[in-house]
Amino acid sequence: MTSFDFEPEDSYDAGDPVDVIARNLARRLELLAVDLAARAGAIDNRGRVRLAQLVDDLAYLRGRLGA
């Protein structure tokens, strides 16, 4: 049996409607929070990449919303 390691980033598409993007970003933020909690607040390299991508994608969403 094969396993598939799904991350919310895998389904991110900048062309999605803004509500879909917002839900995806919320799932990604929750995943980051769970990971940080499991690591007692320590962030690993994957977490740093995830955080940087999240910041970039939040900025993109702000632009799409005209904010």
C-alpha atoms as a PDB file:
ATOM      1  CA  MET A   1       0.000   0.000   0.000  1.00  0.00           C
ATOM      2  CA  THR A   2       1.291   3.443  -0.853  1.00  0.00           C
ATOM      3  CA  SER A   3       0.685   6.503   1.228  1.00  0.00           C
ATOM      4  CA  PHE A   4       0.164  10.001  -0.033  1.00  0.00           C
ATOM      5  CA  ASP A   5       1.392  12.817   2.170  1.00  0.00           C
ATOM      6  CA  PHE A   6      -1.106  15.561   1.389  1.00  0.00           C
ATOM      7  CA  GLU A   7      -0.416  19.117   2.443  1.00  0.00           C
ATOM      8  CA  PRO A   8      -2.881  21.970   1.896  1.00  0.00           C
ATOM      9  CA  GLU A   9      -0.221  23.718  -0.194  1.00  0.00           C
ATOM     10  CA  ASP A  10      -0.691  20.942  -2.745  1.00  0.00           C
ATOM     11  CA  SER A  11      -4.177  22.207  -3.574  1.00  0.00           C
ATOM     12  CA  TYR A  12      -3.346  25.926  -3.649  1.00  0.00           C
ATOM     13  CA  ASP A  13      -4.181  27.635  -6.940  1.00  0.00           C
ATOM     14  CA  ALA A  14      -3.850  31.403  -7.240  1.00  0.00           C
ATOM     15  CA  GLY A  15      -6.654  31.411  -9.805  1.00  0.00           C
ATOM     16  CA  ASP A  16      -9.217  29.993  -7.382  1.00  0.00           C
ATOM     17  CA  PRO A  17     -12.041  32.185  -6.096  1.00  0.00           C
ATOM     18  CA  VAL A  18     -11.002  34.238  -3.058  1.00  0.00           C
ATOM     19  CA  ASP A  19     -13.179  32.212  -0.658  1.00  0.00           C
ATOM     20  CA  VAL A  20     -11.452  28.998  -1.731  1.00  0.00           C
ATOM     21  CA  ILE A  21      -8.031  30.620  -1.307  1.00  0.00           C
ATOM     22  CA  ALA A  22      -9.007  31.904   2.153  1.00  0.00           C
ATOM     23  CA  ARG A  23     -10.129  28.413   3.277  1.00  0.00           C
ATOM     24  CA  ASN A  24      -6.902  26.912   1.935  1.00  0.00           C
ATOM     25  CA  LEU A  25      -4.821  29.500   3.798  1.00  0.00           C
ATOM     26  CA  ALA A  26      -6.776  28.805   6.992  1.00  0.00           C
ATOM     27  CA  ARG A  27      -6.039  25.067   6.681  1.00  0.00           C
ATOM     28  CA  ARG A  28      -2.370  25.834   6.102  1.00  0.00           C
ATOM     29  CA  LEU A  29      -2.214  28.128   9.135  1.00  0.00           C
ATOM     30  CA  GLU A  30      -3.882  25.445  11.266  1.00  0.00           C
ATOM     31  CA  LEU A  31      -1.370  22.855  10.057  1.00  0.00           C
ATOM     32  CA  LEU A  32       1.496  25.183  10.935  1.00  0.00           C
ATOM     33  CA  ALA A  33       0.016  25.792  14.399  1.00  0.00           C
ATOM     34  CA  VAL A  34      -0.386  22.057  15.045  1.00  0.00           C
ATOM     35  CA  ASP A  35       3.179  21.419  13.909  1.00  0.00           C
ATOM     36  CA  LEU A  36       4.520  24.183  16.143  1.00  0.00           C
ATOM     37  CA  ALA A  37       2.543  22.849  19.102  1.00  0.00           C
ATOM     38  CA  ALA A  38       3.913  19.359  18.523  1.00  0.00           C
ATOM     39  CA  ARG A  39       7.433  20.779  18.468  1.00  0.00           C
ATOM     40  CA  ALA A  40       6.927  22.890  21.601  1.00  0.00           C
ATOM     41  CA  GLY A  41       7.094  26.065  19.520  1.00  0.00           C
ATOM     42  CA  ALA A  42      10.272  25.161  17.660  1.00  0.00           C
ATOM     43  CA  ILE A  43      10.163  25.610  13.896  1.00  0.00           C
ATOM     44  CA  ASP A  44      12.003  23.339  11.479  1.00  0.00           C
ATOM     45  CA  ASN A  45      13.099  24.062   7.905  1.00  0.00           C
ATOM     46  CA  ARG A  46       9.814  22.808   6.433  1.00  0.00           C
ATOM     47  CA  GLY A  47       7.941  25.059   8.845  1.00  0.00           C
ATOM     48  CA  ARG A  48      10.020  28.047   7.765  1.00  0.00           C
ATOM     49  CA  VAL A  49       9.251  27.342   4.111  1.00  0.00           C
ATOM     50  CA  ARG A  50       5.570  26.825   4.922  1.00  0.00           C
ATOM     51  CA  LEU A  51       5.481  30.130   6.838  1.00  0.00           C
ATOM     52  CA  ALA A  52       7.189  32.049   4.012  1.00  0.00           C
ATOM     53  CA  GLN A  53       4.765  30.614   1.455  1.00  0.00           C
ATOM     54  CA  LEU A  54       1.837  31.447   3.703  1.00  0.00           C
ATOM     55  CA  VAL A  55       2.981  35.065   4.053  1.00  0.00           C
ATOM     56  CA  ASP A  56       3.394  35.405   0.274  1.00  0.00           C
ATOM     57  CA  ASP A  57       0.020  33.851  -0.429  1.00  0.00           C
ATOM     58  CA  LEU A  58      -1.709  36.033   2.181  1.00  0.00           C
ATOM     59  CA  ALA A  59      -0.241  39.086   0.442  1.00  0.00           C
ATOM     60  CA  TYR A  60      -1.585  37.771  -2.861  1.00  0.00           C
ATOM     61  CA  LEU A  61      -5.047  37.309  -1.327  1.00  0.00           C
ATOM     62  CA  ARG A  62      -4.947  40.873   0.014  1.00  0.00           C
ATOM     63  CA  GLY A  63      -4.238  42.064  -3.513  1.00  0.00           C
ATOM     64  CA  ARG A  64      -7.097  40.035  -4.935  1.00  0.00           C
ATOM     65  CA  LEU A  65      -9.396  41.588  -2.333  1.00  0.00           C
ATOM     66  CA  GLY A  66      -8.155  45.080  -3.150  1.00  0.00           C
ATOM     67  CA  ALA A  67      -6.942  45.587   0.413  1.00  0.00           C
END
